[in-house]
């Protein structure tokens, strides 16, 4: 860690950030707190030497990265500490560039993707002999019956990944508790129905591209596919089932705008940004 400068703690609106700010301050380090709002709880700590407000990453992660890079160029910081996925994942995508200014306490995007998959983390822990709680994965609603009667209650129900970025923005599915089988059957189906097609994949390669805009292409190998049976062609070979295109309603990015098979279905922040002018060099 370079001498001088302060430690920039992000996600200052989270309690975990407050704990980090206090610990660093008690060690004699100068701490700056960044958050999407000025009234962030960590910024109220007596150890917060400065409070910075950045664009909300869930609304515009590109502007957030631009803000962070501008701050790092000043040379005022000796370390950056993202506290949640909301800041950590956008930073991890640009880590090689941002680390040129100062150390950042996060990993590459590919590594974060690996450890954020709870199923793969639990499998790895079991292989190396680390005790893990009994866990069942549910991908489809009809799988609930097969596991509900086998569980010991109460149970903790968690998403496969704590957070995901979708075309609609940043999503952080909630963790919930089921005190008995009836509570599980009542609460779990709506969450399973939210995603009728699920693909598990591994990042095989990542390559930068583009002359007028900073972008990355990711090659992903799909290792497992889960499809709601209501989307399959009736009577198709069970060994090689096919999705019925008349039942599947995909979301299509059409010139930076979101369409279904006919009309536009969702507003796009990307379409209203300066992405296209920056890409084409035209206003």
C-alpha atoms as a PDB file:
ATOM      1  CA  UNK A   1       0.000   0.000   0.000  1.00  0.00           C
ATOM      2  CA  UNK A   2       1.429   3.361  -0.994  1.00  0.00           C
ATOM      3  CA  UNK A   3       2.252   5.879   1.719  1.00  0.00           C
ATOM      4  CA  UNK A   4      -0.007   8.909   2.116  1.00  0.00           C
ATOM      5  CA  UNK A   5      -3.557   9.416   0.951  1.00  0.00           C
ATOM      6  CA  UNK A   6      -6.742   8.064   2.416  1.00  0.00           C
ATOM      7  CA  UNK A   7      -8.645   4.822   2.112  1.00  0.00           C
ATOM      8  CA  UNK A   8     -11.816   5.228   0.039  1.00  0.00           C
ATOM      9  CA  UNK A   9     -14.620   3.037   1.402  1.00  0.00           C
ATOM     10  CA  UNK A  10     -17.569   2.699  -0.979  1.00  0.00           C
ATOM     11  CA  UNK A  11     -21.174   1.678  -0.263  1.00  0.00           C
ATOM     12  CA  UNK A  12     -21.223   4.082   2.668  1.00  0.00           C
ATOM     13  CA  UNK A  13     -24.983   3.654   3.004  1.00  0.00           C
ATOM     14  CA  UNK A  14     -24.485   0.088   4.264  1.00  0.00           C
ATOM     15  CA  UNK A  15     -23.837  -0.900   7.893  1.00  0.00           C
ATOM     16  CA  UNK A  16     -20.895  -3.086   6.845  1.00  0.00           C
ATOM     17  CA  UNK A  17     -19.196   0.019   5.488  1.00  0.00           C
ATOM     18  CA  UNK A  18     -19.634   1.746   8.848  1.00  0.00           C
ATOM     19  CA  UNK A  19     -17.849  -1.158  10.575  1.00  0.00           C
ATOM     20  CA  UNK A  20     -14.970  -0.918   8.093  1.00  0.00           C
ATOM     21  CA  UNK A  21     -14.670   2.859   8.490  1.00  0.00           C
ATOM     22  CA  UNK A  22     -14.501   2.512  12.270  1.00  0.00           C
ATOM     23  CA  UNK A  23     -11.891  -0.245  12.127  1.00  0.00           C
ATOM     24  CA  UNK A  24      -9.650   1.652   9.708  1.00  0.00           C
ATOM     25  CA  UNK A  25     -10.012   4.877  11.680  1.00  0.00           C
ATOM     26  CA  UNK A  26      -9.107   3.164  14.947  1.00  0.00           C
ATOM     27  CA  UNK A  27      -5.925   1.927  13.242  1.00  0.00           C
ATOM     28  CA  UNK A  28      -4.944   5.521  12.532  1.00  0.00           C
ATOM     29  CA  UNK A  29      -5.780   5.549   8.813  1.00  0.00           C
ATOM     30  CA  UNK A  30      -7.458   8.482   7.092  1.00  0.00           C
ATOM     31  CA  UNK A  31     -10.783   7.338   5.639  1.00  0.00           C
ATOM     32  CA  UNK A  32     -13.000   8.841   2.947  1.00  0.00           C
ATOM     33  CA  UNK A  33     -16.536   7.518   2.497  1.00  0.00           C
ATOM     34  CA  UNK A  34     -18.260   7.237  -0.870  1.00  0.00           C
ATOM     35  CA  UNK A  35     -21.996   6.611  -1.240  1.00  0.00           C
ATOM     36  CA  UNK A  36     -24.867   7.305  -3.659  1.00  0.00           C
ATOM     37  CA  UNK A  37     -26.378   9.758  -1.132  1.00  0.00           C
ATOM     38  CA  UNK A  38     -24.864  12.397   1.158  1.00  0.00           C
ATOM     39  CA  UNK A  39     -26.694  11.196   4.278  1.00  0.00           C
ATOM     40  CA  UNK A  40     -25.016   7.751   4.200  1.00  0.00           C
ATOM     41  CA  UNK A  41     -24.596   6.200   7.633  1.00  0.00           C
ATOM     42  CA  UNK A  42     -20.856   5.492   7.308  1.00  0.00           C
ATOM     43  CA  UNK A  43     -20.242   9.127   6.421  1.00  0.00           C
ATOM     44  CA  UNK A  44     -21.603  10.119   9.840  1.00  0.00           C
ATOM     45  CA  UNK A  45     -18.775   8.304  11.626  1.00  0.00           C
ATOM     46  CA  UNK A  46     -16.242  10.485  13.438  1.00  0.00           C
ATOM     47  CA  UNK A  47     -13.569   8.605  11.507  1.00  0.00           C
ATOM     48  CA  UNK A  48     -14.900   9.787   8.127  1.00  0.00           C
ATOM     49  CA  UNK A  49     -12.531  12.541   7.028  1.00  0.00           C
ATOM     50  CA  UNK A  50     -14.450  13.201   3.801  1.00  0.00           C
ATOM     51  CA  UNK A  51     -17.787  12.284   2.254  1.00  0.00           C
ATOM     52  CA  UNK A  52     -18.146  11.763  -1.485  1.00  0.00           C
ATOM     53  CA  UNK A  53     -21.338  11.243  -3.484  1.00  0.00           C
ATOM     54  CA  UNK A  54     -21.237   9.140  -6.647  1.00  0.00           C
ATOM     55  CA  UNK A  55     -23.795   8.219  -9.352  1.00  0.00           C
ATOM     56  CA  UNK A  56     -25.883   5.259  -8.246  1.00  0.00           C
ATOM     57  CA  UNK A  57     -24.333   2.132  -9.858  1.00  0.00           C
ATOM     58  CA  UNK A  58     -27.714   0.401 -10.122  1.00  0.00           C
ATOM     59  CA  UNK A  59     -29.004   3.249 -12.295  1.00  0.00           C
ATOM     60  CA  UNK A  60     -25.896   4.018 -14.339  1.00  0.00           C
ATOM     61  CA  UNK A  61     -22.835   1.913 -13.670  1.00  0.00           C
ATOM     62  CA  UNK A  62     -20.901   3.549 -16.525  1.00  0.00           C
ATOM     63  CA  UNK A  63     -21.231   6.972 -14.911  1.00  0.00           C
ATOM     64  CA  UNK A  64     -20.205   5.443 -11.585  1.00  0.00           C
ATOM     65  CA  UNK A  65     -17.001   4.050 -13.132  1.00  0.00           C
ATOM     66  CA  UNK A  66     -16.304   7.409 -14.798  1.00  0.00           C
ATOM     67  CA  UNK A  67     -16.707   9.138 -11.422  1.00  0.00           C
ATOM     68  CA  UNK A  68     -14.394   6.669  -9.704  1.00  0.00           C
ATOM     69  CA  UNK A  69     -11.691   6.952 -12.341  1.00  0.00           C
ATOM     70  CA  UNK A  70     -11.821  10.730 -12.132  1.00  0.00           C
ATOM     71  CA  UNK A  71     -11.389  10.586  -8.349  1.00  0.00           C
ATOM     72  CA  UNK A  72      -8.509   8.110  -8.598  1.00  0.00           C
ATOM     73  CA  UNK A  73      -6.677  10.320 -11.080  1.00  0.00           C
ATOM     74  CA  UNK A  74      -6.257  12.921  -8.323  1.00  0.00           C
ATOM     75  CA  UNK A  75      -3.897  10.560  -6.487  1.00  0.00           C
ATOM     76  CA  UNK A  76      -5.730  11.206  -3.221  1.00  0.00           C
ATOM     77  CA  UNK A  77      -6.341   7.557  -2.347  1.00  0.00           C
ATOM     78  CA  UNK A  78      -4.037   4.773  -1.255  1.00  0.00           C
ATOM     79  CA  UNK A  79      -6.704   2.044  -1.396  1.00  0.00           C
ATOM     80  CA  UNK A  80     -10.293   1.606  -2.598  1.00  0.00           C
ATOM     81  CA  UNK A  81     -12.621  -0.778  -0.768  1.00  0.00           C
ATOM     82  CA  UNK A  82     -15.931  -1.688  -2.447  1.00  0.00           C
ATOM     83  CA  UNK A  83     -18.161  -3.254   0.191  1.00  0.00           C
ATOM     84  CA  UNK A  84     -21.002  -4.819  -1.843  1.00  0.00           C
ATOM     85  CA  UNK A  85     -21.532  -6.323  -5.301  1.00  0.00           C
ATOM     86  CA  UNK A  86     -23.296  -3.114  -6.308  1.00  0.00           C
ATOM     87  CA  UNK A  87     -19.921  -1.362  -6.592  1.00  0.00           C
ATOM     88  CA  UNK A  88     -17.597  -4.375  -6.603  1.00  0.00           C
ATOM     89  CA  UNK A  89     -18.893  -5.999  -9.790  1.00  0.00           C
ATOM     90  CA  UNK A  90     -18.763  -2.877 -12.009  1.00  0.00           C
ATOM     91  CA  UNK A  91     -15.260  -2.190 -10.673  1.00  0.00           C
ATOM     92  CA  UNK A  92     -14.170  -5.789 -11.284  1.00  0.00           C
ATOM     93  CA  UNK A  93     -15.101  -5.426 -14.959  1.00  0.00           C
ATOM     94  CA  UNK A  94     -12.665  -2.503 -15.256  1.00  0.00           C
ATOM     95  CA  UNK A  95     -10.165  -3.697 -12.662  1.00  0.00           C
ATOM     96  CA  UNK A  96      -7.065  -3.780 -14.867  1.00  0.00           C
ATOM     97  CA  UNK A  97      -7.603  -0.142 -15.834  1.00  0.00           C
ATOM     98  CA  UNK A  98      -8.545   1.184 -12.408  1.00  0.00           C
ATOM     99  CA  UNK A  99      -5.749  -0.636 -10.581  1.00  0.00           C
ATOM    100  CA  UNK A 100      -3.253   1.495 -12.466  1.00  0.00           C
ATOM    101  CA  UNK A 101      -4.143   4.348 -10.106  1.00  0.00           C
ATOM    102  CA  UNK A 102      -4.100   2.545  -6.745  1.00  0.00           C
ATOM    103  CA  UNK A 103      -4.803  -0.875  -5.196  1.00  0.00           C
ATOM    104  CA  UNK A 104      -8.459  -1.944  -5.150  1.00  0.00           C
ATOM    105  CA  UNK A 105      -9.750  -4.541  -2.694  1.00  0.00           C
ATOM    106  CA  UNK A 106     -11.612  -6.771  -5.129  1.00  0.00           C
ATOM    107  CA  UNK A 107     -10.964  -9.535  -7.647  1.00  0.00           C
ATOM    108  CA  UNK A 108     -11.316  -9.902 -11.395  1.00  0.00           C
ATOM    109  CA  UNK A 109     -14.859 -10.265 -12.719  1.00  0.00           C
ATOM    110  CA  UNK A 110     -14.312 -13.889 -13.724  1.00  0.00           C
ATOM    111  CA  UNK A 111     -13.185 -14.802 -10.197  1.00  0.00           C
ATOM    112  CA  UNK A 112     -16.151 -13.039  -8.606  1.00  0.00           C
ATOM    113  CA  UNK A 113     -18.509 -14.901 -10.918  1.00  0.00           C
ATOM    114  CA  UNK A 114     -16.976 -18.175  -9.760  1.00  0.00           C
ATOM    115  CA  UNK A 115     -17.315 -17.549  -6.026  1.00  0.00           C
ATOM    116  CA  UNK A 116     -20.717 -15.835  -6.235  1.00  0.00           C
ATOM    117  CA  UNK A 117     -22.348 -19.062  -7.437  1.00  0.00           C
ATOM    118  CA  UNK A 118     -23.366 -20.685  -4.149  1.00  0.00           C
ATOM    119  CA  UNK A 119     -23.865 -24.091  -5.740  1.00  0.00           C
ATOM    120  CA  UNK A 120     -20.299 -24.203  -7.040  1.00  0.00           C
ATOM    121  CA  UNK A 121     -18.909 -22.782  -3.794  1.00  0.00           C
ATOM    122  CA  UNK A 122     -20.629 -25.462  -1.721  1.00  0.00           C
ATOM    123  CA  UNK A 123     -19.450 -28.199  -4.084  1.00  0.00           C
ATOM    124  CA  UNK A 124     -15.862 -26.952  -3.844  1.00  0.00           C
ATOM    125  CA  UNK A 125     -16.048 -26.763  -0.052  1.00  0.00           C
ATOM    126  CA  UNK A 126     -17.355 -30.330   0.135  1.00  0.00           C
ATOM    127  CA  UNK A 127     -14.534 -31.593  -2.115  1.00  0.00           C
ATOM    128  CA  UNK A 128     -11.835 -30.121   0.131  1.00  0.00           C
ATOM    129  CA  UNK A 129     -13.471 -31.308   3.351  1.00  0.00           C
ATOM    130  CA  UNK A 130     -14.997 -28.057   4.606  1.00  0.00           C
ATOM    131  CA  UNK A 131     -18.287 -28.769   6.435  1.00  0.00           C
ATOM    132  CA  UNK A 132     -21.311 -27.284   4.656  1.00  0.00           C
ATOM    133  CA  UNK A 133     -24.999 -27.277   5.608  1.00  0.00           C
ATOM    134  CA  UNK A 134     -27.331 -29.728   3.888  1.00  0.00           C
ATOM    135  CA  UNK A 135     -28.443 -27.966   0.714  1.00  0.00           C
ATOM    136  CA  UNK A 136     -30.986 -28.643  -2.009  1.00  0.00           C
ATOM    137  CA  UNK A 137     -31.176 -26.715  -5.280  1.00  0.00           C
ATOM    138  CA  UNK A 138     -34.596 -26.009  -6.802  1.00  0.00           C
ATOM    139  CA  UNK A 139     -34.689 -24.919 -10.442  1.00  0.00           C
ATOM    140  CA  UNK A 140     -38.324 -25.604 -11.320  1.00  0.00           C
ATOM    141  CA  UNK A 141     -41.569 -25.334  -9.431  1.00  0.00           C
ATOM    142  CA  UNK A 142     -42.299 -29.057  -9.790  1.00  0.00           C
ATOM    143  CA  UNK A 143     -39.078 -29.848  -7.902  1.00  0.00           C
ATOM    144  CA  UNK A 144     -40.423 -28.300  -4.694  1.00  0.00           C
ATOM    145  CA  UNK A 145     -42.545 -31.363  -3.898  1.00  0.00           C
ATOM    146  CA  UNK A 146     -39.499 -33.620  -4.091  1.00  0.00           C
ATOM    147  CA  UNK A 147     -37.506 -31.704  -1.494  1.00  0.00           C
ATOM    148  CA  UNK A 148     -40.066 -30.046   0.801  1.00  0.00           C
ATOM    149  CA  UNK A 149     -40.844 -33.236   2.738  1.00  0.00           C
ATOM    150  CA  UNK A 150     -37.148 -34.132   3.126  1.00  0.00           C
ATOM    151  CA  UNK A 151     -36.025 -30.905   4.787  1.00  0.00           C
ATOM    152  CA  UNK A 152     -35.622 -30.206   8.489  1.00  0.00           C
ATOM    153  CA  UNK A 153     -37.306 -26.933   9.379  1.00  0.00           C
ATOM    154  CA  UNK A 154     -36.781 -24.032   9.717  1.00  0.00           C
ATOM    155  CA  UNK A 155     -34.815 -23.583   6.481  1.00  0.00           C
ATOM    156  CA  UNK A 156     -32.998 -20.653   4.902  1.00  0.00           C
ATOM    157  CA  UNK A 157     -33.856 -20.030   1.240  1.00  0.00           C
ATOM    158  CA  UNK A 158     -31.223 -18.195  -0.776  1.00  0.00           C
ATOM    159  CA  UNK A 159     -30.824 -17.360  -4.464  1.00  0.00           C
ATOM    160  CA  UNK A 160     -28.028 -19.116  -6.369  1.00  0.00           C
ATOM    161  CA  UNK A 161     -26.294 -15.730  -6.661  1.00  0.00           C
ATOM    162  CA  UNK A 162     -26.684 -12.848  -4.231  1.00  0.00           C
ATOM    163  CA  UNK A 163     -26.958 -10.288  -6.996  1.00  0.00           C
ATOM    164  CA  UNK A 164     -27.295 -10.174 -10.770  1.00  0.00           C
ATOM    165  CA  UNK A 165     -27.237  -7.521 -13.475  1.00  0.00           C
ATOM    166  CA  UNK A 166     -30.103  -7.857 -15.941  1.00  0.00           C
ATOM    167  CA  UNK A 167     -31.320  -5.719 -18.866  1.00  0.00           C
ATOM    168  CA  UNK A 168     -33.720  -4.166 -16.353  1.00  0.00           C
ATOM    169  CA  UNK A 169     -30.868  -3.215 -14.027  1.00  0.00           C
ATOM    170  CA  UNK A 170     -29.341  -4.506 -10.810  1.00  0.00           C
ATOM    171  CA  UNK A 171     -31.296  -7.124  -8.889  1.00  0.00           C
ATOM    172  CA  UNK A 172     -30.550  -8.442  -5.426  1.00  0.00           C
ATOM    173  CA  UNK A 173     -32.959 -11.325  -4.688  1.00  0.00           C
ATOM    174  CA  UNK A 174     -33.892 -11.537  -1.047  1.00  0.00           C
ATOM    175  CA  UNK A 175     -33.063 -14.285   1.425  1.00  0.00           C
ATOM    176  CA  UNK A 176     -36.094 -15.594   3.307  1.00  0.00           C
ATOM    177  CA  UNK A 177     -36.875 -18.150   5.999  1.00  0.00           C
ATOM    178  CA  UNK A 178     -39.480 -20.890   5.968  1.00  0.00           C
ATOM    179  CA  UNK A 179     -40.504 -22.027   9.441  1.00  0.00           C
ATOM    180  CA  UNK A 180     -42.374 -25.069   8.137  1.00  0.00           C
ATOM    181  CA  UNK A 181     -43.308 -26.911   4.946  1.00  0.00           C
ATOM    182  CA  UNK A 182     -46.430 -24.819   4.404  1.00  0.00           C
ATOM    183  CA  UNK A 183     -44.409 -21.595   4.539  1.00  0.00           C
ATOM    184  CA  UNK A 184     -41.919 -23.014   2.023  1.00  0.00           C
ATOM    185  CA  UNK A 185     -44.644 -24.015  -0.425  1.00  0.00           C
ATOM    186  CA  UNK A 186     -46.227 -20.581  -0.095  1.00  0.00           C
ATOM    187  CA  UNK A 187     -43.066 -18.493  -0.555  1.00  0.00           C
ATOM    188  CA  UNK A 188     -40.810 -20.450  -2.912  1.00  0.00           C
ATOM    189  CA  UNK A 189     -42.914 -20.951  -6.102  1.00  0.00           C
ATOM    190  CA  UNK A 190     -43.180 -17.234  -6.994  1.00  0.00           C
ATOM    191  CA  UNK A 191     -39.400 -16.911  -6.820  1.00  0.00           C
ATOM    192  CA  UNK A 192     -38.830 -19.995  -8.981  1.00  0.00           C
ATOM    193  CA  UNK A 193     -41.350 -18.761 -11.582  1.00  0.00           C
ATOM    194  CA  UNK A 194     -39.427 -15.498 -12.022  1.00  0.00           C
ATOM    195  CA  UNK A 195     -36.882 -17.278 -14.236  1.00  0.00           C
ATOM    196  CA  UNK A 196     -38.362 -19.989 -16.530  1.00  0.00           C
ATOM    197  CA  UNK A 197     -35.044 -20.544 -18.337  1.00  0.00           C
ATOM    198  CA  UNK A 198     -31.793 -20.708 -16.378  1.00  0.00           C
ATOM    199  CA  UNK A 199     -28.323 -21.273 -17.761  1.00  0.00           C
ATOM    200  CA  UNK A 200     -25.278 -22.084 -15.643  1.00  0.00           C
ATOM    201  CA  UNK A 201     -22.036 -21.192 -17.383  1.00  0.00           C
ATOM    202  CA  UNK A 202     -18.352 -20.566 -16.875  1.00  0.00           C
ATOM    203  CA  UNK A 203     -16.432 -17.614 -18.295  1.00  0.00           C
ATOM    204  CA  UNK A 204     -13.937 -19.146 -20.750  1.00  0.00           C
ATOM    205  CA  UNK A 205     -12.363 -15.979 -22.155  1.00  0.00           C
ATOM    206  CA  UNK A 206     -12.639 -12.184 -21.961  1.00  0.00           C
ATOM    207  CA  UNK A 207     -11.373  -9.778 -24.615  1.00  0.00           C
ATOM    208  CA  UNK A 208     -11.534  -5.972 -24.911  1.00  0.00           C
ATOM    209  CA  UNK A 209     -12.855  -4.528 -28.164  1.00  0.00           C
ATOM    210  CA  UNK A 210     -13.890  -1.224 -29.702  1.00  0.00           C
ATOM    211  CA  UNK A 211     -11.960   1.850 -30.797  1.00  0.00           C
ATOM    212  CA  UNK A 212     -14.256   4.641 -29.648  1.00  0.00           C
ATOM    213  CA  UNK A 213     -15.725   2.971 -26.579  1.00  0.00           C
ATOM    214  CA  UNK A 214     -14.327   0.754 -23.837  1.00  0.00           C
ATOM    215  CA  UNK A 215     -16.067  -2.632 -23.988  1.00  0.00           C
ATOM    216  CA  UNK A 216     -15.386  -6.293 -23.301  1.00  0.00           C
ATOM    217  CA  UNK A 217     -16.554  -9.483 -24.979  1.00  0.00           C
ATOM    218  CA  UNK A 218     -17.020 -12.550 -22.770  1.00  0.00           C
ATOM    219  CA  UNK A 219     -17.019 -16.118 -24.078  1.00  0.00           C
ATOM    220  CA  UNK A 220     -19.233 -18.216 -21.802  1.00  0.00           C
ATOM    221  CA  UNK A 221     -19.498 -22.007 -21.944  1.00  0.00           C
ATOM    222  CA  UNK A 222     -22.931 -23.248 -20.839  1.00  0.00           C
ATOM    223  CA  UNK A 223     -22.524 -26.265 -18.564  1.00  0.00           C
ATOM    224  CA  UNK A 224     -26.114 -26.732 -17.400  1.00  0.00           C
ATOM    225  CA  UNK A 225     -29.533 -25.654 -18.696  1.00  0.00           C
ATOM    226  CA  UNK A 226     -32.850 -25.608 -16.838  1.00  0.00           C
ATOM    227  CA  UNK A 227     -36.091 -24.966 -18.732  1.00  0.00           C
ATOM    228  CA  UNK A 228     -39.616 -24.826 -17.366  1.00  0.00           C
ATOM    229  CA  UNK A 229     -41.448 -27.787 -18.901  1.00  0.00           C
ATOM    230  CA  UNK A 230     -44.378 -25.568 -19.891  1.00  0.00           C
ATOM    231  CA  UNK A 231     -42.097 -24.034 -22.551  1.00  0.00           C
ATOM    232  CA  UNK A 232     -41.232 -27.353 -24.218  1.00  0.00           C
ATOM    233  CA  UNK A 233     -42.785 -28.749 -27.400  1.00  0.00           C
ATOM    234  CA  UNK A 234     -45.349 -31.337 -26.372  1.00  0.00           C
ATOM    235  CA  UNK A 235     -44.403 -34.876 -27.377  1.00  0.00           C
ATOM    236  CA  UNK A 236     -40.767 -34.060 -28.149  1.00  0.00           C
ATOM    237  CA  UNK A 237     -38.083 -36.638 -27.412  1.00  0.00           C
ATOM    238  CA  UNK A 238     -37.432 -36.554 -23.610  1.00  0.00           C
ATOM    239  CA  UNK A 239     -33.761 -37.224 -24.297  1.00  0.00           C
ATOM    240  CA  UNK A 240     -33.527 -34.158 -26.552  1.00  0.00           C
ATOM    241  CA  UNK A 241     -36.430 -31.822 -25.725  1.00  0.00           C
ATOM    242  CA  UNK A 242     -36.955 -28.638 -27.707  1.00  0.00           C
ATOM    243  CA  UNK A 243     -38.303 -25.250 -26.640  1.00  0.00           C
ATOM    244  CA  UNK A 244     -41.576 -24.273 -28.299  1.00  0.00           C
ATOM    245  CA  UNK A 245     -40.895 -20.862 -29.923  1.00  0.00           C
ATOM    246  CA  UNK A 246     -44.601 -19.994 -29.704  1.00  0.00           C
ATOM    247  CA  UNK A 247     -44.424 -20.207 -25.899  1.00  0.00           C
ATOM    248  CA  UNK A 248     -41.086 -18.563 -25.265  1.00  0.00           C
ATOM    249  CA  UNK A 249     -41.123 -14.778 -25.032  1.00  0.00           C
ATOM    250  CA  UNK A 250     -37.507 -13.574 -25.132  1.00  0.00           C
ATOM    251  CA  UNK A 251     -36.276 -10.076 -24.373  1.00  0.00           C
ATOM    252  CA  UNK A 252     -34.397  -8.674 -27.380  1.00  0.00           C
ATOM    253  CA  UNK A 253     -32.027  -5.692 -27.383  1.00  0.00           C
ATOM    254  CA  UNK A 254     -32.866  -3.918 -30.641  1.00  0.00           C
ATOM    255  CA  UNK A 255     -30.529  -0.952 -31.226  1.00  0.00           C
ATOM    256  CA  UNK A 256     -30.106  -0.475 -27.461  1.00  0.00           C
ATOM    257  CA  UNK A 257     -33.877  -0.713 -26.841  1.00  0.00           C
ATOM    258  CA  UNK A 258     -35.773  -3.616 -25.292  1.00  0.00           C
ATOM    259  CA  UNK A 259     -38.352  -5.433 -27.423  1.00  0.00           C
ATOM    260  CA  UNK A 260     -40.335  -8.624 -27.173  1.00  0.00           C
ATOM    261  CA  UNK A 261     -41.442 -10.376 -30.339  1.00  0.00           C
ATOM    262  CA  UNK A 262     -43.452  -7.310 -31.321  1.00  0.00           C
ATOM    263  CA  UNK A 263     -43.621  -4.070 -29.343  1.00  0.00           C
ATOM    264  CA  UNK A 264     -41.139  -2.366 -27.050  1.00  0.00           C
ATOM    265  CA  UNK A 265     -41.574  -3.808 -23.563  1.00  0.00           C
ATOM    266  CA  UNK A 266     -39.216  -1.873 -21.313  1.00  0.00           C
ATOM    267  CA  UNK A 267     -37.548   1.566 -21.333  1.00  0.00           C
ATOM    268  CA  UNK A 268     -33.793   1.506 -21.911  1.00  0.00           C
ATOM    269  CA  UNK A 269     -31.344   3.800 -20.136  1.00  0.00           C
ATOM    270  CA  UNK A 270     -28.688   2.759 -22.640  1.00  0.00           C
ATOM    271  CA  UNK A 271     -30.768   4.041 -25.555  1.00  0.00           C
ATOM    272  CA  UNK A 272     -31.046   7.447 -23.870  1.00  0.00           C
ATOM    273  CA  UNK A 273     -27.351   7.650 -22.978  1.00  0.00           C
ATOM    274  CA  UNK A 274     -24.444   8.901 -25.087  1.00  0.00           C
ATOM    275  CA  UNK A 275     -23.422   5.336 -25.973  1.00  0.00           C
ATOM    276  CA  UNK A 276     -24.467   5.429 -29.634  1.00  0.00           C
ATOM    277  CA  UNK A 277     -23.024   8.930 -30.295  1.00  0.00           C
ATOM    278  CA  UNK A 278     -19.772   7.847 -28.632  1.00  0.00           C
ATOM    279  CA  UNK A 279     -19.708   4.662 -30.699  1.00  0.00           C
ATOM    280  CA  UNK A 280     -20.443   6.317 -34.046  1.00  0.00           C
ATOM    281  CA  UNK A 281     -18.860   9.710 -33.452  1.00  0.00           C
ATOM    282  CA  UNK A 282     -22.164  11.387 -34.363  1.00  0.00           C
ATOM    283  CA  UNK A 283     -24.504  13.520 -32.281  1.00  0.00           C
END
